Amino acid sequence: MCLAIPGKIVQLFPDQPQTAMVDVVGVRRKVDLGLLQDQPPVAGDWVLIHVGFAMSKISEQDANDQMRTLRMLGEAEAAMQEVQGYGLEQS
């Protein structure tokens, strides 16, 4: 199953403008913002993430609904494994 996981942008990197640190239920990983060039997110924004790329900006309510849906489908664990498997170091 392809998972879109909500995460909150907690840090932008001025030296890497297409990269942000995102928090997904306490797990922090770098994600690529390149697909959001038309609407660049800022710290505090919520995004849907898939395989290390922020796919779209969403509201906090939509983020909560998405996580609730993943839990109901029994996919929350798989979502967290995906986040942990991005292979991007925290820094």
PDB file of N, CA and C in Angstrom:
ATOM      1  N   MET A   1       0.844  -1.174   0.000  1.00  0.00           N
ATOM      2  CA  MET A   1       0.000   0.000   0.000  1.00  0.00           C
ATOM      3  C   MET A   1       0.889   1.237   0.000  1.00  0.00           C
ATOM      4  N   CYS A   2       0.530   2.224  -0.774  1.00  0.00           N
ATOM      5  CA  CYS A   2       1.235   3.503  -0.773  1.00  0.00           C
ATOM      6  C   CYS A   2       0.673   4.365   0.335  1.00  0.00           C
ATOM      7  N   LEU A   3       1.546   4.802   1.222  1.00  0.00           N
ATOM      8  CA  LEU A   3       1.113   5.573   2.372  1.00  0.00           C
ATOM      9  C   LEU A   3       1.491   7.031   2.218  1.00  0.00           C
ATOM     10  N   ALA A   4       0.553   7.897   2.530  1.00  0.00           N
ATOM     11  CA  ALA A   4       0.831   9.329   2.642  1.00  0.00           C
ATOM     12  C   ALA A   4       0.736   9.640   4.129  1.00  0.00           C
ATOM     13  N   ILE A   5       1.826  10.113   4.687  1.00  0.00           N
ATOM     14  CA  ILE A   5       1.943  10.277   6.119  1.00  0.00           C
ATOM     15  C   ILE A   5       2.010  11.764   6.454  1.00  0.00           C
ATOM     16  N   PRO A   6       1.194  12.228   7.396  1.00  0.00           N
ATOM     17  CA  PRO A   6       1.259  13.639   7.751  1.00  0.00           C
ATOM     18  C   PRO A   6       2.437  13.928   8.679  1.00  0.00           C
ATOM     19  N   GLY A   7       3.070  15.065   8.466  1.00  0.00           N
ATOM     20  CA  GLY A   7       4.159  15.506   9.321  1.00  0.00           C
ATOM     21  C   GLY A   7       4.149  17.014   9.449  1.00  0.00           C
ATOM     22  N   LYS A   8       4.691  17.494  10.554  1.00  0.00           N
ATOM     23  CA  LYS A   8       4.745  18.931  10.817  1.00  0.00           C
ATOM     24  C   LYS A   8       6.165  19.429  10.582  1.00  0.00           C
ATOM     25  N   ILE A   9       6.308  20.466   9.794  1.00  0.00           N
ATOM     26  CA  ILE A   9       7.623  21.045   9.535  1.00  0.00           C
ATOM     27  C   ILE A   9       8.088  21.765  10.793  1.00  0.00           C
ATOM     28  N   VAL A  10       9.249  21.349  11.298  1.00  0.00           N
ATOM     29  CA  VAL A  10       9.784  21.951  12.515  1.00  0.00           C
ATOM     30  C   VAL A  10      11.019  22.799  12.243  1.00  0.00           C
ATOM     31  N   GLN A  11      11.646  22.601  11.070  1.00  0.00           N
ATOM     32  CA  GLN A  11      12.845  23.384  10.766  1.00  0.00           C
ATOM     33  C   GLN A  11      13.061  23.428   9.266  1.00  0.00           C
ATOM     34  N   LEU A  12      13.405  24.612   8.777  1.00  0.00           N
ATOM     35  CA  LEU A  12      13.835  24.788   7.392  1.00  0.00           C
ATOM     36  C   LEU A  12      15.340  25.019   7.402  1.00  0.00           C
ATOM     37  N   PHE A  13      16.002  24.650   6.337  1.00  0.00           N
ATOM     38  CA  PHE A  13      17.443  24.778   6.239  1.00  0.00           C
ATOM     39  C   PHE A  13      17.785  25.829   5.181  1.00  0.00           C
ATOM     40  N   PRO A  14      18.215  27.043   5.603  1.00  0.00           N
ATOM     41  CA  PRO A  14      18.516  28.107   4.638  1.00  0.00           C
ATOM     42  C   PRO A  14      19.548  27.697   3.586  1.00  0.00           C
ATOM     43  N   ASP A  15      20.499  26.861   3.964  1.00  0.00           N
ATOM     44  CA  ASP A  15      21.517  26.424   3.014  1.00  0.00           C
ATOM     45  C   ASP A  15      21.035  25.285   2.110  1.00  0.00           C
ATOM     46  N   GLN A  16      19.868  24.723   2.428  1.00  0.00           N
ATOM     47  CA  GLN A  16      19.242  23.667   1.626  1.00  0.00           C
ATOM     48  C   GLN A  16      17.760  24.006   1.483  1.00  0.00           C
ATOM     49  N   PRO A  17      17.406  24.970   0.617  1.00  0.00           N
ATOM     50  CA  PRO A  17      16.043  25.492   0.573  1.00  0.00           C
ATOM     51  C   PRO A  17      14.960  24.475   0.207  1.00  0.00           C
ATOM     52  N   GLN A  18      15.321  23.354  -0.352  1.00  0.00           N
ATOM     53  CA  GLN A  18      14.315  22.344  -0.687  1.00  0.00           C
ATOM     54  C   GLN A  18      14.250  21.236   0.354  1.00  0.00           C
ATOM     55  N   THR A  19      14.794  21.489   1.545  1.00  0.00           N
ATOM     56  CA  THR A  19      14.831  20.468   2.581  1.00  0.00           C
ATOM     57  C   THR A  19      14.267  21.019   3.876  1.00  0.00           C
ATOM     58  N   ALA A  20      13.531  20.177   4.591  1.00  0.00           N
ATOM     59  CA  ALA A  20      12.997  20.565   5.895  1.00  0.00           C
ATOM     60  C   ALA A  20      13.072  19.384   6.848  1.00  0.00           C
ATOM     61  N   MET A  21      13.151  19.686   8.131  1.00  0.00           N
ATOM     62  CA  MET A  21      13.034  18.670   9.167  1.00  0.00           C
ATOM     63  C   MET A  21      11.547  18.584   9.513  1.00  0.00           C
ATOM     64  N   VAL A  22      11.016  17.380   9.459  1.00  0.00           N
ATOM     65  CA  VAL A  22       9.594  17.161   9.708  1.00  0.00           C
ATOM     66  C   VAL A  22       9.432  16.195  10.870  1.00  0.00           C
ATOM     67  N   ASP A  23       8.475  16.482  11.722  1.00  0.00           N
ATOM     68  CA  ASP A  23       8.149  15.615  12.859  1.00  0.00           C
ATOM     69  C   ASP A  23       6.903  14.805  12.523  1.00  0.00           C
ATOM     70  N   VAL A  24       7.056  13.489  12.584  1.00  0.00           N
ATOM     71  CA  VAL A  24       5.927  12.575  12.378  1.00  0.00           C
ATOM     72  C   VAL A  24       5.778  11.767  13.659  1.00  0.00           C
ATOM     73  N   VAL A  25       4.835  12.154  14.489  1.00  0.00           N
ATOM     74  CA  VAL A  25       4.559  11.483  15.753  1.00  0.00           C
ATOM     75  C   VAL A  25       5.851  11.250  16.549  1.00  0.00           C
ATOM     76  N   GLY A  26       6.661  12.287  16.674  1.00  0.00           N
ATOM     77  CA  GLY A  26       7.874  12.202  17.470  1.00  0.00           C
ATOM     78  C   GLY A  26       9.117  11.738  16.740  1.00  0.00           C
ATOM     79  N   VAL A  27       8.983  11.253  15.522  1.00  0.00           N
ATOM     80  CA  VAL A  27      10.136  10.849  14.717  1.00  0.00           C
ATOM     81  C   VAL A  27      10.460  12.000  13.775  1.00  0.00           C
ATOM     82  N   ARG A  28      11.700  12.452  13.814  1.00  0.00           N
ATOM     83  CA  ARG A  28      12.111  13.572  12.960  1.00  0.00           C
ATOM     84  C   ARG A  28      13.010  13.083  11.841  1.00  0.00           C
ATOM     85  N   ARG A  29      12.671  13.538  10.644  1.00  0.00           N
ATOM     86  CA  ARG A  29      13.437  13.182   9.456  1.00  0.00           C
ATOM     87  C   ARG A  29      13.445  14.363   8.504  1.00  0.00           C
ATOM     88  N   LYS A  30      14.501  14.417   7.686  1.00  0.00           N
ATOM     89  CA  LYS A  30      14.547  15.398   6.619  1.00  0.00           C
ATOM     90  C   LYS A  30      13.657  14.917   5.479  1.00  0.00           C
ATOM     91  N   VAL A  31      12.953  15.866   4.868  1.00  0.00           N
ATOM     92  CA  VAL A  31      12.154  15.556   3.687  1.00  0.00           C
ATOM     93  C   VAL A  31      12.449  16.588   2.605  1.00  0.00           C
ATOM     94  N   ASP A  32      12.204  16.191   1.394  1.00  0.00           N
ATOM     95  CA  ASP A  32      12.423  17.042   0.229  1.00  0.00           C
ATOM     96  C   ASP A  32      11.157  17.856  -0.035  1.00  0.00           C
ATOM     97  N   LEU A  33      11.305  19.174  -0.179  1.00  0.00           N
ATOM     98  CA  LEU A  33      10.177  20.077  -0.426  1.00  0.00           C
ATOM     99  C   LEU A  33      10.058  20.468  -1.896  1.00  0.00           C
ATOM    100  N   GLY A  34      10.851  19.868  -2.751  1.00  0.00           N
ATOM    101  CA  GLY A  34      10.909  20.264  -4.153  1.00  0.00           C
ATOM    102  C   GLY A  34       9.580  20.255  -4.886  1.00  0.00           C
ATOM    103  N   LEU A  35       8.661  19.411  -4.478  1.00  0.00           N
ATOM    104  CA  LEU A  35       7.364  19.333  -5.150  1.00  0.00           C
ATOM    105  C   LEU A  35       6.403  20.433  -4.707  1.00  0.00           C
ATOM    106  N   LEU A  36       6.820  21.233  -3.728  1.00  0.00           N
ATOM    107  CA  LEU A  36       5.942  22.289  -3.209  1.00  0.00           C
ATOM    108  C   LEU A  36       6.474  23.677  -3.550  1.00  0.00           C
ATOM    109  N   GLN A  37       7.182  23.808  -4.634  1.00  0.00           N
ATOM    110  CA  GLN A  37       7.784  25.090  -4.998  1.00  0.00           C
ATOM    111  C   GLN A  37       6.749  26.181  -5.238  1.00  0.00           C
ATOM    112  N   ASP A  38       5.560  25.827  -5.698  1.00  0.00           N
ATOM    113  CA  ASP A  38       4.516  26.824  -5.951  1.00  0.00           C
ATOM    114  C   ASP A  38       3.932  27.392  -4.662  1.00  0.00           C
ATOM    115  N   GLN A  39       3.959  26.609  -3.585  1.00  0.00           N
ATOM    116  CA  GLN A  39       3.448  27.024  -2.281  1.00  0.00           C
ATOM    117  C   GLN A  39       4.445  26.597  -1.210  1.00  0.00           C
ATOM    118  N   PRO A  40       5.591  27.252  -1.135  1.00  0.00           N
ATOM    119  CA  PRO A  40       6.626  26.823  -0.182  1.00  0.00           C
ATOM    120  C   PRO A  40       6.098  26.817   1.252  1.00  0.00           C
ATOM    121  N   PRO A  41       6.257  25.715   1.949  1.00  0.00           N
ATOM    122  CA  PRO A  41       5.813  25.657   3.340  1.00  0.00           C
ATOM    123  C   PRO A  41       6.772  26.408   4.256  1.00  0.00           C
ATOM    124  N   VAL A  42       6.275  26.727   5.429  1.00  0.00           N
ATOM    125  CA  VAL A  42       7.071  27.373   6.465  1.00  0.00           C
ATOM    126  C   VAL A  42       7.019  26.500   7.713  1.00  0.00           C
ATOM    127  N   ALA A  43       7.913  26.781   8.648  1.00  0.00           N
ATOM    128  CA  ALA A  43       7.901  26.038   9.913  1.00  0.00           C
ATOM    129  C   ALA A  43       6.512  26.143  10.535  1.00  0.00           C
ATOM    130  N   GLY A  44       6.015  25.017  10.996  1.00  0.00           N
ATOM    131  CA  GLY A  44       4.682  24.949  11.579  1.00  0.00           C
ATOM    132  C   GLY A  44       3.629  24.415  10.634  1.00  0.00           C
ATOM    133  N   ASP A  45       3.906  24.424   9.331  1.00  0.00           N
ATOM    134  CA  ASP A  45       2.966  23.873   8.353  1.00  0.00           C
ATOM    135  C   ASP A  45       2.942  22.347   8.435  1.00  0.00           C
ATOM    136  N   TRP A  46       1.830  21.768   8.055  1.00  0.00           N
ATOM    137  CA  TRP A  46       1.669  20.319   7.953  1.00  0.00           C
ATOM    138  C   TRP A  46       1.738  19.923   6.493  1.00  0.00           C
ATOM    139  N   VAL A  47       2.390  18.788   6.223  1.00  0.00           N
ATOM    140  CA  VAL A  47       2.507  18.278   4.862  1.00  0.00           C
ATOM    141  C   VAL A  47       2.214  16.782   4.850  1.00  0.00           C
ATOM    142  N   LEU A  48       1.789  16.296   3.705  1.00  0.00           N
ATOM    143  CA  LEU A  48       1.674  14.851   3.490  1.00  0.00           C
ATOM    144  C   LEU A  48       2.964  14.390   2.838  1.00  0.00           C
ATOM    145  N   ILE A  49       3.543  13.328   3.381  1.00  0.00           N
ATOM    146  CA  ILE A  49       4.853  12.844   2.955  1.00  0.00           C
ATOM    147  C   ILE A  49       4.715  11.439   2.372  1.00  0.00           C
ATOM    148  N   HIS A  50       5.457  11.210   1.305  1.00  0.00           N
ATOM    149  CA  HIS A  50       5.547   9.859   0.731  1.00  0.00           C
ATOM    150  C   HIS A  50       6.984   9.653   0.276  1.00  0.00           C
ATOM    151  N   VAL A  51       7.594   8.592   0.725  1.00  0.00           N
ATOM    152  CA  VAL A  51       8.975   8.202   0.430  1.00  0.00           C
ATOM    153  C   VAL A  51       9.955   9.376   0.477  1.00  0.00           C
ATOM    154  N   GLY A  52       9.835  10.197   1.512  1.00  0.00           N
ATOM    155  CA  GLY A  52      10.784  11.266   1.726  1.00  0.00           C
ATOM    156  C   GLY A  52      10.484  12.570   1.017  1.00  0.00           C
ATOM    157  N   PHE A  53       9.365  12.642   0.313  1.00  0.00           N
ATOM    158  CA  PHE A  53       8.978  13.861  -0.397  1.00  0.00           C
ATOM    159  C   PHE A  53       7.680  14.413   0.182  1.00  0.00           C
ATOM    160  N   ALA A  54       7.665  15.722   0.444  1.00  0.00           N
ATOM    161  CA  ALA A  54       6.422  16.385   0.837  1.00  0.00           C
ATOM    162  C   ALA A  54       5.597  16.547  -0.434  1.00  0.00           C
ATOM    163  N   MET A  55       4.411  15.941  -0.429  1.00  0.00           N
ATOM    164  CA  MET A  55       3.567  15.923  -1.624  1.00  0.00           C
ATOM    165  C   MET A  55       2.590  17.101  -1.676  1.00  0.00           C
ATOM    166  N   SER A  56       2.099  17.525  -0.508  1.00  0.00           N
ATOM    167  CA  SER A  56       1.148  18.632  -0.460  1.00  0.00           C
ATOM    168  C   SER A  56       1.073  19.185   0.950  1.00  0.00           C
ATOM    169  N   LYS A  57       0.645  20.439   1.039  1.00  0.00           N
ATOM    170  CA  LYS A  57       0.396  21.047   2.339  1.00  0.00           C
ATOM    171  C   LYS A  57      -1.028  20.695   2.751  1.00  0.00           C
ATOM    172  N   ILE A  58      -1.221  20.460   4.051  1.00  0.00           N
ATOM    173  CA  ILE A  58      -2.544  20.138   4.575  1.00  0.00           C
ATOM    174  C   ILE A  58      -2.754  20.888   5.885  1.00  0.00           C
ATOM    175  N   SER A  59      -3.987  20.878   6.352  1.00  0.00           N
ATOM    176  CA  SER A  59      -4.286  21.510   7.636  1.00  0.00           C
ATOM    177  C   SER A  59      -3.952  20.547   8.777  1.00  0.00           C
ATOM    178  N   GLU A  60      -3.841  21.089   9.981  1.00  0.00           N
ATOM    179  CA  GLU A  60      -3.602  20.239  11.145  1.00  0.00           C
ATOM    180  C   GLU A  60      -4.755  19.257  11.331  1.00  0.00           C
ATOM    181  N   GLN A  61      -5.980  19.710  11.085  1.00  0.00           N
ATOM    182  CA  GLN A  61      -7.147  18.826  11.197  1.00  0.00           C
ATOM    183  C   GLN A  61      -7.039  17.667  10.205  1.00  0.00           C
ATOM    184  N   ASP A  62      -6.651  17.977   8.964  1.00  0.00           N
ATOM    185  CA  ASP A  62      -6.479  16.919   7.964  1.00  0.00           C
ATOM    186  C   ASP A  62      -5.369  15.954   8.366  1.00  0.00           C
ATOM    187  N   ALA A  63      -4.305  16.475   8.978  1.00  0.00           N
ATOM    188  CA  ALA A  63      -3.208  15.618   9.454  1.00  0.00           C
ATOM    189  C   ALA A  63      -3.719  14.658  10.524  1.00  0.00           C
ATOM    190  N   ASN A  64      -4.494  15.183  11.465  1.00  0.00           N
ATOM    191  CA  ASN A  64      -5.060  14.328  12.511  1.00  0.00           C
ATOM    192  C   ASN A  64      -6.004  13.283  11.923  1.00  0.00           C
ATOM    193  N   ASP A  65      -6.822  13.689  10.976  1.00  0.00           N
ATOM    194  CA  ASP A  65      -7.744  12.744  10.322  1.00  0.00           C
ATOM    195  C   ASP A  65      -6.976  11.651   9.584  1.00  0.00           C
ATOM    196  N   GLN A  66      -5.892  12.028   8.904  1.00  0.00           N
ATOM    197  CA  GLN A  66      -5.091  11.046   8.164  1.00  0.00           C
ATOM    198  C   GLN A  66      -4.464  10.022   9.114  1.00  0.00           C
ATOM    199  N   MET A  67      -3.908  10.491  10.242  1.00  0.00           N
ATOM    200  CA  MET A  67      -3.309   9.551  11.200  1.00  0.00           C
ATOM    201  C   MET A  67      -4.380   8.647  11.801  1.00  0.00           C
ATOM    202  N   ARG A  68      -5.544   9.205  12.086  1.00  0.00           N
ATOM    203  CA  ARG A  68      -6.642   8.399  12.617  1.00  0.00           C
ATOM    204  C   ARG A  68      -7.046   7.320  11.604  1.00  0.00           C
ATOM    205  N   THR A  69      -7.115   7.702  10.337  1.00  0.00           N
ATOM    206  CA  THR A  69      -7.460   6.737   9.287  1.00  0.00           C
ATOM    207  C   THR A  69      -6.403   5.639   9.184  1.00  0.00           C
ATOM    208  N   LEU A  70      -5.115   6.021   9.232  1.00  0.00           N
ATOM    209  CA  LEU A  70      -4.049   5.019   9.177  1.00  0.00           C
ATOM    210  C   LEU A  70      -4.166   4.041  10.345  1.00  0.00           C
ATOM    211  N   ARG A  71      -4.478   4.563  11.546  1.00  0.00           N
ATOM    212  CA  ARG A  71      -4.644   3.678  12.710  1.00  0.00           C
ATOM    213  C   ARG A  71      -5.837   2.731  12.513  1.00  0.00           C
ATOM    214  N   MET A  72      -6.951   3.275  12.025  1.00  0.00           N
ATOM    215  CA  MET A  72      -8.152   2.451  11.820  1.00  0.00           C
ATOM    216  C   MET A  72      -7.888   1.334  10.799  1.00  0.00           C
ATOM    217  N   LEU A  73      -7.071   1.635   9.796  1.00  0.00           N
ATOM    218  CA  LEU A  73      -6.747   0.646   8.766  1.00  0.00           C
ATOM    219  C   LEU A  73      -5.643  -0.308   9.200  1.00  0.00           C
ATOM    220  N   GLY A  74      -5.085  -0.060  10.390  1.00  0.00           N
ATOM    221  CA  GLY A  74      -3.982  -0.891  10.854  1.00  0.00           C
ATOM    222  C   GLY A  74      -2.685  -0.595  10.136  1.00  0.00           C
ATOM    223  N   GLU A  75      -2.563   0.599   9.578  1.00  0.00           N
ATOM    224  CA  GLU A  75      -1.390   0.963   8.790  1.00  0.00           C
ATOM    225  C   GLU A  75      -0.463   1.932   9.507  1.00  0.00           C
ATOM    226  N   ALA A  76      -0.764   2.303  10.741  1.00  0.00           N
ATOM    227  CA  ALA A  76       0.070   3.272  11.456  1.00  0.00           C
ATOM    228  C   ALA A  76       1.493   2.754  11.631  1.00  0.00           C
ATOM    229  N   GLU A  77       1.635   1.481  11.952  1.00  0.00           N
ATOM    230  CA  GLU A  77       2.968   0.891  12.131  1.00  0.00           C
ATOM    231  C   GLU A  77       3.747   0.908  10.821  1.00  0.00           C
ATOM    232  N   ALA A  78       3.096   0.563   9.731  1.00  0.00           N
ATOM    233  CA  ALA A  78       3.764   0.591   8.426  1.00  0.00           C
ATOM    234  C   ALA A  78       4.169   2.014   8.061  1.00  0.00           C
ATOM    235  N   ALA A  79       3.339   2.983   8.420  1.00  0.00           N
ATOM    236  CA  ALA A  79       3.655   4.380   8.151  1.00  0.00           C
ATOM    237  C   ALA A  79       4.916   4.787   8.906  1.00  0.00           C
ATOM    238  N   MET A  80       5.017   4.408  10.156  1.00  0.00           N
ATOM    239  CA  MET A  80       6.187   4.761  10.948  1.00  0.00           C
ATOM    240  C   MET A  80       7.440   4.055  10.417  1.00  0.00           C
ATOM    241  N   GLN A  81       7.305   2.834   9.944  1.00  0.00           N
ATOM    242  CA  GLN A  81       8.451   2.141   9.353  1.00  0.00           C
ATOM    243  C   GLN A  81       8.908   2.865   8.089  1.00  0.00           C
ATOM    244  N   GLU A  82       7.953   3.373   7.322  1.00  0.00           N
ATOM    245  CA  GLU A  82       8.311   4.123   6.124  1.00  0.00           C
ATOM    246  C   GLU A  82       9.101   5.376   6.505  1.00  0.00           C
ATOM    247  N   VAL A  83       8.622   6.109   7.496  1.00  0.00           N
ATOM    248  CA  VAL A  83       9.315   7.324   7.934  1.00  0.00           C
ATOM    249  C   VAL A  83      10.721   6.986   8.396  1.00  0.00           C
ATOM    250  N   GLN A  84      10.871   5.941   9.177  1.00  0.00           N
ATOM    251  CA  GLN A  84      12.184   5.568   9.688  1.00  0.00           C
ATOM    252  C   GLN A  84      13.100   5.046   8.589  1.00  0.00           C
ATOM    253  N   GLY A  85      12.544   4.592   7.489  1.00  0.00           N
ATOM    254  CA  GLY A  85      13.332   4.028   6.410  1.00  0.00           C
ATOM    255  C   GLY A  85      13.728   5.018   5.320  1.00  0.00           C
ATOM    256  N   TYR A  86      13.498   6.313   5.527  1.00  0.00           N
ATOM    257  CA  TYR A  86      13.847   7.287   4.496  1.00  0.00           C
ATOM    258  C   TYR A  86      15.337   7.285   4.204  1.00  0.00           C
ATOM    259  N   GLY A  87      16.148   6.910   5.191  1.00  0.00           N
ATOM    260  CA  GLY A  87      17.583   6.880   4.975  1.00  0.00           C
ATOM    261  C   GLY A  87      18.242   8.242   5.020  1.00  0.00           C
ATOM    262  N   LEU A  88      17.519   9.242   5.458  1.00  0.00           N
ATOM    263  CA  LEU A  88      18.082  10.579   5.583  1.00  0.00           C
ATOM    264  C   LEU A  88      18.436  10.801   7.043  1.00  0.00           C
ATOM    265  N   GLU A  89      19.641  11.194   7.287  1.00  0.00           N
ATOM    266  CA  GLU A  89      20.109  11.390   8.660  1.00  0.00           C
ATOM    267  C   GLU A  89      19.448  12.603   9.289  1.00  0.00           C
ATOM    268  N   GLN A  90      19.193  12.517  10.567  1.00  0.00           N
ATOM    269  CA  GLN A  90      18.774  13.690  11.310  1.00  0.00           C
ATOM    270  C   GLN A  90      19.999  14.566  11.481  1.00  0.00           C
ATOM    271  N   SER A  91      19.866  15.820  11.244  1.00  0.00           N
ATOM    272  CA  SER A  91      20.997  16.722  11.479  1.00  0.00           C
ATOM    273  C   SER A  91      20.504  18.119  11.733  1.00  0.00           C
TER     274      SER A  91
END
